[in-house]
Amino acid sequence: MKPCAHRSIFIAACLAVSALLPPGKSHAAGYPARTVTLIVPFAAGGGIDVVARIFAGKLQEKLHQPIIVENRVGGGGIVGTAAVAHAAPDGYTLLVIEASSVLAKSLHKDVAFHVDTDFAPVAMVATTYLGLFANTSLPVSNFAEFVAYSKAHPGKLSVGTPGVGTPHHLAAMMLNHGAGLDIANVAYRGTPPSVTDLISGQIPLVWAVPLNVMPFVAQGKAKLLAVSAPQRLAAFPNVPAVAESLPGFDVTLWLGIAAPARTPPEVVARLAQTIREISELPDVQQRLSTLGYNLDFRSGDKFRAQMLADQKKYGDVIHAAGIQPK
């Protein structure tokens, strides 16, 4: 037999063997082979961005490839989230996905993604809550006085949020509906600019993760009126939960990592295991605690269940409030 015939038979045999290998094995074995982009759909400097950068740094150490954090802002998180939904499903474009993603369809007519079909949830990593903060010029000293003042001045107050469709916006709507208030939502491109306007007196109220505002409270430049947790938080025992006045009020912010749907399961599994390992690191736990986040690791299926449960829960709240998608 001629040498070229031997070579042809060898190549054909290799191709046949490779076809019999379990699909996806090669994806996991060689992943990642280049830079991974982690998209944060909110402005730099906010709590979500800070947590994202903590995990990106640790992922880079463990995966031995650059992890680039890209802030793709717009539409209350919709722009960056949609970008990942339509990215190549190869594990090289990931999303910091958070609770606003499950509100989008209930609040907007045109949303270029479906949470239940366009993503492969990798892992949930943390939860936190919101605080309702006021400028010191607002003549109230506690939540009860704030409600009374708001009712006495309907349509006169406004509250800053990081955009329409964010959990912060949902908290504002739920408070208006539950307490019978008329406070206008002012949508910003992220939390930091809203906090800047709060401190300068351009806006009287903001809903924000405490991390972003508590330093100003300590300086006497803002005051914390209430939290969005179902009960008082240990960090702020003298600050009431809105739920004490409005039973059932609960806006819990979770965040995690997701990939585009159809990303190879082996790649998703490797990322999830790596994120689990990062979540168990004492320095990560300490840093997130300092930021006001509670570590709450949940792998893909459990994370998906949380997302879909909140999509229904918040969708029902929005519908009950008579709010129509715009």
Protein backbone atom coordinates (compact mmCIF):
# COMPACT_ATOMS: atom_id res chain seq x y z
CA MET A 1 0.00 0.00 0.00
CA LYS A 2 1.31 3.45 -0.89
CA PRO A 3 2.31 5.88 1.93
CA CYS A 4 -0.41 8.35 0.96
CA ALA A 5 -3.00 5.59 1.30
CA HIS A 6 -1.75 4.87 4.84
CA ARG A 7 -2.01 8.56 5.62
CA SER A 8 -5.59 8.75 4.30
CA ILE A 9 -6.65 5.76 6.37
CA PHE A 10 -5.03 7.28 9.49
CA ILE A 11 -6.77 10.64 9.02
CA ALA A 12 -10.11 8.95 8.42
CA ALA A 13 -9.68 6.89 11.58
CA CYS A 14 -8.86 10.00 13.63
CA LEU A 15 -11.92 11.77 12.35
CA ALA A 16 -14.09 8.77 13.16
CA VAL A 17 -12.74 8.57 16.73
CA SER A 18 -13.19 12.31 17.30
CA ALA A 19 -16.79 12.04 16.15
CA LEU A 20 -17.41 9.45 18.86
CA LEU A 21 -16.04 11.65 21.67
CA PRO A 22 -18.68 13.14 24.03
CA PRO A 23 -19.75 16.57 22.71
CA GLY A 24 -18.34 19.55 24.56
CA LYS A 25 -15.33 17.82 26.08
CA SER A 26 -12.96 19.90 23.99
CA HIS A 27 -14.78 23.09 24.98
CA ALA A 28 -14.09 22.58 28.67
CA ALA A 29 -10.55 21.25 28.23
CA GLY A 30 -9.32 24.31 26.37
CA TYR A 31 -11.43 26.97 28.04
CA PRO A 32 -10.56 29.75 28.39
CA ALA A 33 -7.92 30.18 25.72
CA ARG A 34 -8.17 33.96 25.47
CA THR A 35 -9.60 37.08 27.14
CA VAL A 36 -13.08 36.83 28.67
CA THR A 37 -15.30 39.92 28.79
CA LEU A 38 -17.58 40.37 31.79
CA ILE A 39 -20.28 42.92 30.99
CA VAL A 40 -21.74 45.00 33.83
CA PRO A 41 -24.94 46.70 32.62
CA PHE A 42 -24.57 49.63 35.03
CA ALA A 43 -22.16 52.50 35.58
CA ALA A 44 -18.76 52.03 37.16
CA GLY A 45 -18.50 52.75 40.86
CA GLY A 46 -21.81 51.30 42.04
CA GLY A 47 -22.18 48.25 44.26
CA ILE A 48 -22.81 45.86 41.37
CA ASP A 49 -19.70 47.09 39.57
CA VAL A 50 -17.54 46.75 42.69
CA VAL A 51 -18.67 43.16 43.30
CA ALA A 52 -18.15 42.35 39.62
CA ARG A 53 -14.56 43.56 39.77
CA ILE A 54 -13.83 41.50 42.88
CA PHE A 55 -14.99 38.33 41.14
CA ALA A 56 -13.32 39.28 37.85
CA GLY A 57 -9.96 39.61 39.60
CA LYS A 58 -10.31 36.22 41.26
CA LEU A 59 -11.53 34.57 38.03
CA GLN A 60 -8.48 35.92 36.26
CA GLU A 61 -6.21 34.36 38.89
CA LYS A 62 -7.90 30.97 38.69
CA LEU A 63 -8.53 30.74 34.94
CA HIS A 64 -5.14 32.20 33.96
CA GLN A 65 -6.62 34.46 31.30
CA PRO A 66 -7.48 38.18 31.34
CA ILE A 67 -11.02 38.96 32.55
CA ILE A 68 -12.05 42.39 31.27
CA VAL A 69 -14.92 44.21 32.99
CA GLU A 70 -16.91 46.33 30.55
CA ASN A 71 -19.60 48.74 31.77
CA ARG A 72 -22.26 48.83 29.06
CA VAL A 73 -24.83 51.28 30.39
CA GLY A 74 -28.34 52.14 29.27
CA GLY A 75 -32.03 51.41 29.69
CA GLY A 76 -31.82 50.52 33.37
CA GLY A 77 -29.59 47.55 32.58
CA ILE A 78 -31.37 46.49 29.38
CA VAL A 79 -28.63 47.50 26.92
CA GLY A 80 -25.82 45.49 28.51
CA THR A 81 -28.07 42.54 29.28
CA ALA A 82 -29.34 42.35 25.70
CA ALA A 83 -25.78 42.51 24.38
CA VAL A 84 -24.87 39.32 26.21
CA ALA A 85 -28.13 37.60 25.23
CA HIS A 86 -27.09 37.97 21.58
CA ALA A 87 -23.36 37.30 22.02
CA ALA A 88 -21.65 34.19 20.74
CA PRO A 89 -22.42 31.28 23.12
CA ASP A 90 -18.77 30.35 23.63
CA GLY A 91 -18.12 31.46 27.21
CA TYR A 92 -16.05 34.49 26.24
CA THR A 93 -18.80 37.05 26.87
CA LEU A 94 -20.42 36.84 30.31
CA LEU A 95 -22.97 39.00 32.12
CA VAL A 96 -23.27 40.25 35.66
CA ILE A 97 -26.99 39.60 35.81
CA GLU A 98 -29.09 41.11 38.57
CA ALA A 99 -32.70 41.51 39.60
CA SER A 100 -33.65 44.23 37.09
CA SER A 101 -33.36 41.65 34.31
CA VAL A 102 -36.52 39.90 35.50
CA LEU A 103 -38.49 43.17 35.61
CA ALA A 104 -37.81 44.20 32.04
CA LYS A 105 -40.71 42.45 30.31
CA SER A 106 -43.23 43.80 32.81
CA LEU A 107 -42.10 47.40 32.45
CA HIS A 108 -41.03 47.73 28.81
CA LYS A 109 -42.80 46.83 25.57
CA ASP A 110 -39.65 46.30 23.55
CA VAL A 111 -37.05 44.17 25.30
CA ALA A 112 -34.49 42.36 23.19
CA PHE A 113 -34.11 39.36 25.47
CA HIS A 114 -36.07 36.74 27.39
CA VAL A 115 -34.65 35.89 30.79
CA ASP A 116 -36.04 32.35 30.68
CA THR A 117 -34.65 31.38 27.26
CA ASP A 118 -31.73 33.64 26.31
CA PHE A 119 -29.34 32.92 29.18
CA ALA A 120 -27.49 30.05 30.77
CA PRO A 121 -27.35 31.00 34.47
CA VAL A 122 -23.90 30.14 35.79
CA ALA A 123 -24.16 31.03 39.48
CA MET A 124 -25.78 33.46 41.87
CA VAL A 125 -23.20 34.96 44.18
CA ALA A 126 -24.74 37.50 46.55
CA THR A 127 -27.81 39.34 47.80
CA THR A 128 -28.37 42.75 49.32
CA TYR A 129 -31.09 45.28 50.01
CA LEU A 130 -31.87 48.91 49.29
CA GLY A 131 -32.11 51.93 51.54
CA LEU A 132 -34.37 54.94 51.09
CA PHE A 133 -32.11 57.94 51.66
CA ALA A 134 -33.06 61.60 52.03
CA ASN A 135 -31.21 64.86 51.72
CA THR A 136 -30.74 66.50 55.12
CA SER A 137 -32.88 69.45 54.04
CA LEU A 138 -36.00 67.27 53.88
CA PRO A 139 -37.87 68.14 57.12
CA VAL A 140 -38.39 64.56 58.34
CA SER A 141 -36.41 62.51 60.82
CA ASN A 142 -37.91 59.05 60.32
CA PHE A 143 -39.96 56.95 57.91
CA ALA A 144 -43.33 57.71 59.52
CA GLU A 145 -42.71 61.44 59.27
CA PHE A 146 -41.60 60.98 55.68
CA VAL A 147 -44.85 59.25 54.74
CA ALA A 148 -46.90 61.96 56.43
CA TYR A 149 -44.89 64.72 54.73
CA SER A 150 -45.23 63.03 51.33
CA LYS A 151 -49.00 62.76 51.69
CA ALA A 152 -49.19 66.42 52.69
CA HIS A 153 -47.21 67.40 49.58
CA PRO A 154 -48.47 65.15 46.77
CA GLY A 155 -46.49 65.41 43.55
CA LYS A 156 -43.84 67.64 45.14
CA LEU A 157 -41.17 65.03 45.84
CA SER A 158 -38.99 62.99 43.50
CA VAL A 159 -36.71 60.01 44.03
CA GLY A 160 -33.58 59.05 42.11
CA THR A 161 -33.07 55.50 40.82
CA PRO A 162 -30.50 53.93 38.45
CA GLY A 163 -33.09 53.70 35.69
CA VAL A 164 -36.58 52.57 34.77
CA GLY A 165 -36.95 48.84 35.32
CA THR A 166 -34.36 48.52 38.08
CA PRO A 167 -35.23 47.08 41.51
CA HIS A 168 -34.78 50.62 42.83
CA HIS A 169 -37.52 51.80 40.47
CA LEU A 170 -39.68 48.87 41.56
CA ALA A 171 -39.19 49.87 45.21
CA ALA A 172 -40.29 53.42 44.37
CA MET A 173 -43.41 52.15 42.59
CA MET A 174 -44.27 49.70 45.35
CA LEU A 175 -43.94 52.42 47.98
CA ASN A 176 -46.15 54.80 46.00
CA HIS A 177 -48.78 52.12 45.47
CA GLY A 178 -48.68 50.67 48.99
CA ALA A 179 -48.61 53.92 50.93
CA GLY A 180 -50.72 56.00 48.55
CA LEU A 181 -47.91 58.42 47.73
CA ASP A 182 -47.18 60.47 44.61
CA ILE A 183 -43.38 60.62 44.31
CA ALA A 184 -41.93 60.98 40.81
CA ASN A 185 -39.18 58.63 39.66
CA VAL A 186 -36.07 60.29 38.22
CA ALA A 187 -34.05 57.79 36.19
CA TYR A 188 -30.27 58.15 36.21
CA ARG A 189 -27.57 56.25 34.34
CA GLY A 190 -26.51 54.37 37.45
CA THR A 191 -26.54 54.99 41.20
CA PRO A 192 -23.44 57.21 41.64
CA PRO A 193 -24.87 60.20 39.73
CA SER A 194 -28.13 60.01 41.68
CA VAL A 195 -26.20 60.03 44.96
CA THR A 196 -24.19 63.02 43.77
CA ASP A 197 -27.43 64.91 43.14
CA LEU A 198 -28.83 63.82 46.51
CA ILE A 199 -25.84 65.22 48.38
CA SER A 200 -25.87 68.47 46.39
CA GLY A 201 -29.58 68.95 47.04
CA GLN A 202 -30.66 68.54 43.41
CA ILE A 203 -33.00 65.69 44.41
CA PRO A 204 -34.54 65.00 47.85
CA LEU A 205 -34.56 61.18 47.82
CA VAL A 206 -32.80 58.16 46.35
CA TRP A 207 -33.19 54.42 46.56
CA ALA A 208 -29.68 52.95 46.72
CA VAL A 209 -27.61 50.10 48.07
CA PRO A 210 -26.32 51.40 51.45
CA LEU A 211 -22.71 51.02 50.31
CA ASN A 212 -23.13 54.03 48.04
CA VAL A 213 -24.59 56.43 50.60
CA MET A 214 -23.65 55.44 54.16
CA PRO A 215 -20.35 57.36 54.06
CA PHE A 216 -22.39 60.52 53.47
CA VAL A 217 -24.76 59.58 56.29
CA ALA A 218 -21.74 59.31 58.58
CA GLN A 219 -20.73 62.81 57.47
CA GLY A 220 -24.20 64.20 58.20
CA LYS A 221 -24.93 64.86 54.51
CA ALA A 222 -27.79 62.35 54.13
CA LYS A 223 -30.13 60.29 56.28
CA LEU A 224 -31.37 56.72 55.99
CA LEU A 225 -35.15 56.47 56.42
CA ALA A 226 -35.92 52.80 55.75
CA VAL A 227 -34.67 49.58 54.14
CA SER A 228 -36.29 47.31 51.56
CA ALA A 229 -35.63 44.07 53.50
CA PRO A 230 -38.52 42.09 54.99
CA GLN A 231 -37.22 42.95 58.46
CA ARG A 232 -34.67 45.31 60.02
CA LEU A 233 -31.06 44.68 59.11
CA ALA A 234 -28.50 43.90 61.78
CA ALA A 235 -26.25 46.61 60.35
CA PHE A 236 -28.94 49.27 60.93
CA PRO A 237 -31.01 48.12 63.91
CA ASN A 238 -32.58 51.55 64.45
CA VAL A 239 -33.76 51.90 60.86
CA PRO A 240 -37.20 50.41 60.12
CA ALA A 241 -37.99 48.10 57.25
CA VAL A 242 -40.70 49.46 54.96
CA ALA A 243 -42.44 46.13 55.59
CA GLU A 244 -43.19 47.23 59.17
CA SER A 245 -45.61 49.76 57.70
CA LEU A 246 -46.44 47.93 54.46
CA PRO A 247 -46.58 44.16 55.13
CA GLY A 248 -45.12 42.14 52.29
CA PHE A 249 -42.82 44.89 51.05
CA ASP A 250 -39.60 43.12 50.08
CA VAL A 251 -37.15 44.13 47.36
CA THR A 252 -34.19 41.79 47.52
CA LEU A 253 -31.34 42.41 45.11
CA TRP A 254 -29.44 39.37 43.92
CA LEU A 255 -26.63 39.24 41.44
CA GLY A 256 -24.70 36.54 39.68
CA ILE A 257 -23.03 35.49 36.45
CA ALA A 258 -24.80 34.31 33.30
CA ALA A 259 -23.69 33.28 29.84
CA PRO A 260 -25.62 33.33 26.57
CA ALA A 261 -27.98 30.39 26.09
CA ARG A 262 -26.43 27.40 24.30
CA THR A 263 -23.04 28.01 25.88
CA PRO A 264 -21.49 24.51 26.20
CA PRO A 265 -22.63 22.97 29.50
CA GLU A 266 -19.06 21.95 30.32
CA VAL A 267 -17.94 25.59 30.10
CA VAL A 268 -20.84 26.70 32.30
CA ALA A 269 -19.99 23.96 34.81
CA ARG A 270 -16.33 24.98 34.94
CA LEU A 271 -17.24 28.61 35.52
CA ALA A 272 -19.74 27.65 38.24
CA GLN A 273 -17.19 25.53 40.08
CA THR A 274 -14.61 28.31 39.89
CA ILE A 275 -17.10 30.87 41.20
CA ARG A 276 -18.00 28.49 44.05
CA GLU A 277 -14.33 28.29 45.00
CA ILE A 278 -14.03 32.09 44.89
CA SER A 279 -17.13 32.45 47.09
CA GLU A 280 -15.46 30.33 49.74
CA LEU A 281 -12.36 32.53 49.98
CA PRO A 282 -12.24 34.37 53.35
CA ASP A 283 -11.01 37.62 51.80
CA VAL A 284 -13.90 37.63 49.30
CA GLN A 285 -16.39 36.96 52.07
CA GLN A 286 -14.93 39.78 54.15
CA ARG A 287 -14.90 42.26 51.25
CA LEU A 288 -18.50 41.55 50.25
CA SER A 289 -19.64 41.81 53.86
CA THR A 290 -17.98 45.20 54.14
CA LEU A 291 -19.87 46.28 51.01
CA GLY A 292 -23.19 45.22 52.54
CA TYR A 293 -23.61 42.07 50.43
CA ASN A 294 -24.47 38.62 51.74
CA LEU A 295 -22.69 35.77 49.97
CA ASP A 296 -25.34 33.38 48.66
CA PHE A 297 -23.90 30.95 46.13
CA ARG A 298 -26.40 29.03 44.01
CA SER A 299 -25.41 27.05 40.95
CA GLY A 300 -27.19 27.11 37.59
CA ASP A 301 -30.50 25.30 38.19
CA LYS A 302 -31.14 26.89 41.58
CA PHE A 303 -30.18 30.30 40.23
CA ARG A 304 -32.57 29.87 37.30
CA ALA A 305 -35.36 28.92 39.72
CA GLN A 306 -34.74 32.13 41.72
CA MET A 307 -34.82 34.23 38.56
CA LEU A 308 -38.08 32.76 37.31
CA ALA A 309 -39.72 32.95 40.75
CA ASP A 310 -38.86 36.66 41.02
CA GLN A 311 -40.00 37.30 37.47
CA LYS A 312 -43.45 36.07 38.46
CA LYS A 313 -43.46 37.71 41.90
CA TYR A 314 -42.47 41.15 40.72
CA GLY A 315 -44.58 40.82 37.58
CA ASP A 316 -47.62 40.21 39.77
CA VAL A 317 -46.76 43.27 41.90
CA ILE A 318 -46.42 45.47 38.84
CA HIS A 319 -49.68 44.17 37.37
CA ALA A 320 -51.54 44.65 40.67
CA ALA A 321 -50.31 48.24 40.78
CA GLY A 322 -51.88 48.82 37.38
CA ILE A 323 -48.56 49.71 35.76
CA GLN A 324 -48.47 49.15 32.01
CA PRO A 325 -45.33 48.45 29.97
CA LYS A 326 -44.03 51.51 28.14
